[in-house]
């Protein structure tokens, strides 16, 4: 240790308390801030189009009605990405 340096020993319990306090403060700060990704996504939304919104809602409800009570019909996000990659590699997706 350098004799000219200003160092202080800290006990493990003190360090743990400090880390917990900092994490708690940062989490509470983050929770007070708006979710930027949601707001940024809303900024890129197109103009209001109630007719198209209604079509999207009907389509979503139809999918839920068809598959909602059949959990085996749903796939995980990872499986979906794998299937999408496979379809893309096979040229099955519209260009």
Protein backbone atom coordinates (compact mmCIF):
# COMPACT_ATOMS: atom_id res chain seq x y z
CA UNK A 1 0.00 0.00 0.00
CA UNK A 2 1.34 3.47 -0.87
CA UNK A 3 2.11 5.54 2.23
CA UNK A 4 0.92 8.70 0.46
CA UNK A 5 -2.51 7.35 -0.51
CA UNK A 6 -5.66 8.11 1.40
CA UNK A 7 -7.27 4.75 2.04
CA UNK A 8 -9.79 3.73 4.60
CA UNK A 9 -10.64 0.21 5.60
CA UNK A 10 -14.30 -0.69 5.33
CA UNK A 11 -15.99 -3.63 6.99
CA UNK A 12 -17.87 -6.13 4.88
CA UNK A 13 -21.15 -5.26 6.59
CA UNK A 14 -20.61 -1.55 5.89
CA UNK A 15 -19.83 -2.26 2.23
CA UNK A 16 -22.91 -4.45 1.94
CA UNK A 17 -25.06 -1.72 3.49
CA UNK A 18 -23.61 0.88 1.13
CA UNK A 19 -24.22 -1.30 -1.93
CA UNK A 20 -27.79 -2.02 -0.82
CA UNK A 21 -28.48 1.70 -0.28
CA UNK A 22 -27.06 2.66 -3.69
CA UNK A 23 -29.03 -0.07 -5.46
CA UNK A 24 -32.22 0.93 -3.63
CA UNK A 25 -31.70 4.60 -4.54
CA UNK A 26 -31.01 3.79 -8.18
CA UNK A 27 -34.04 1.52 -8.47
CA UNK A 28 -36.32 4.13 -6.91
CA UNK A 29 -34.89 6.77 -9.26
CA UNK A 30 -35.50 4.54 -12.27
CA UNK A 31 -39.06 3.85 -11.15
CA UNK A 32 -39.77 7.58 -10.93
CA UNK A 33 -38.59 8.18 -14.50
CA UNK A 34 -40.92 7.44 -17.42
CA UNK A 35 -40.16 4.38 -19.48
CA UNK A 36 -38.26 5.92 -22.37
CA UNK A 37 -38.66 2.97 -24.71
CA UNK A 38 -42.44 3.14 -24.40
CA UNK A 39 -42.47 6.89 -24.95
CA UNK A 40 -40.06 6.67 -27.88
CA UNK A 41 -42.22 3.97 -29.44
CA UNK A 42 -45.27 6.18 -29.11
CA UNK A 43 -43.42 9.02 -30.83
CA UNK A 44 -42.97 6.82 -33.90
CA UNK A 45 -46.62 5.87 -34.04
CA UNK A 46 -48.42 6.88 -37.17
CA UNK A 47 -51.47 9.09 -37.29
CA UNK A 48 -54.62 8.05 -35.45
CA UNK A 49 -56.47 5.46 -37.50
CA UNK A 50 -59.45 4.08 -35.56
CA UNK A 51 -60.54 1.85 -38.45
CA UNK A 52 -57.17 0.11 -38.64
CA UNK A 53 -57.01 -0.10 -34.84
CA UNK A 54 -60.37 -1.87 -34.90
CA UNK A 55 -59.10 -4.37 -37.49
CA UNK A 56 -55.98 -5.07 -35.40
CA UNK A 57 -58.10 -5.54 -32.28
CA UNK A 58 -60.46 -7.94 -34.06
CA UNK A 59 -57.49 -9.94 -35.38
CA UNK A 60 -55.92 -10.11 -31.91
CA UNK A 61 -59.20 -11.21 -30.34
CA UNK A 62 -59.65 -13.88 -33.02
CA UNK A 63 -56.18 -15.27 -32.27
CA UNK A 64 -56.91 -15.26 -28.54
CA UNK A 65 -60.23 -16.98 -29.11
CA UNK A 66 -58.64 -19.63 -31.31
CA UNK A 67 -55.52 -20.31 -29.23
CA UNK A 68 -56.13 -18.76 -25.82
CA UNK A 69 -57.42 -21.90 -24.12
CA UNK A 70 -54.79 -24.12 -25.74
CA UNK A 71 -51.45 -23.30 -24.11
CA UNK A 72 -49.78 -25.98 -26.21
CA UNK A 73 -50.53 -23.84 -29.28
CA UNK A 74 -48.36 -21.00 -28.02
CA UNK A 75 -44.59 -20.97 -28.38
CA UNK A 76 -41.84 -19.34 -26.40
CA UNK A 77 -40.09 -16.24 -27.71
CA UNK A 78 -36.94 -18.31 -28.31
CA UNK A 79 -38.89 -20.89 -30.33
CA UNK A 80 -40.53 -18.11 -32.32
CA UNK A 81 -37.15 -16.55 -33.14
CA UNK A 82 -35.80 -19.96 -34.19
CA UNK A 83 -38.79 -20.56 -36.44
CA UNK A 84 -38.45 -17.08 -37.91
CA UNK A 85 -34.73 -17.66 -38.60
CA UNK A 86 -35.53 -21.01 -40.24
CA UNK A 87 -38.27 -19.49 -42.43
CA UNK A 88 -35.99 -16.62 -43.42
CA UNK A 89 -33.15 -19.00 -44.35
CA UNK A 90 -35.58 -21.09 -46.41
CA UNK A 91 -36.83 -17.98 -48.25
CA UNK A 92 -40.37 -18.46 -46.94
CA UNK A 93 -40.84 -14.86 -45.79
CA UNK A 94 -42.19 -12.13 -48.04
CA UNK A 95 -39.47 -9.79 -49.29
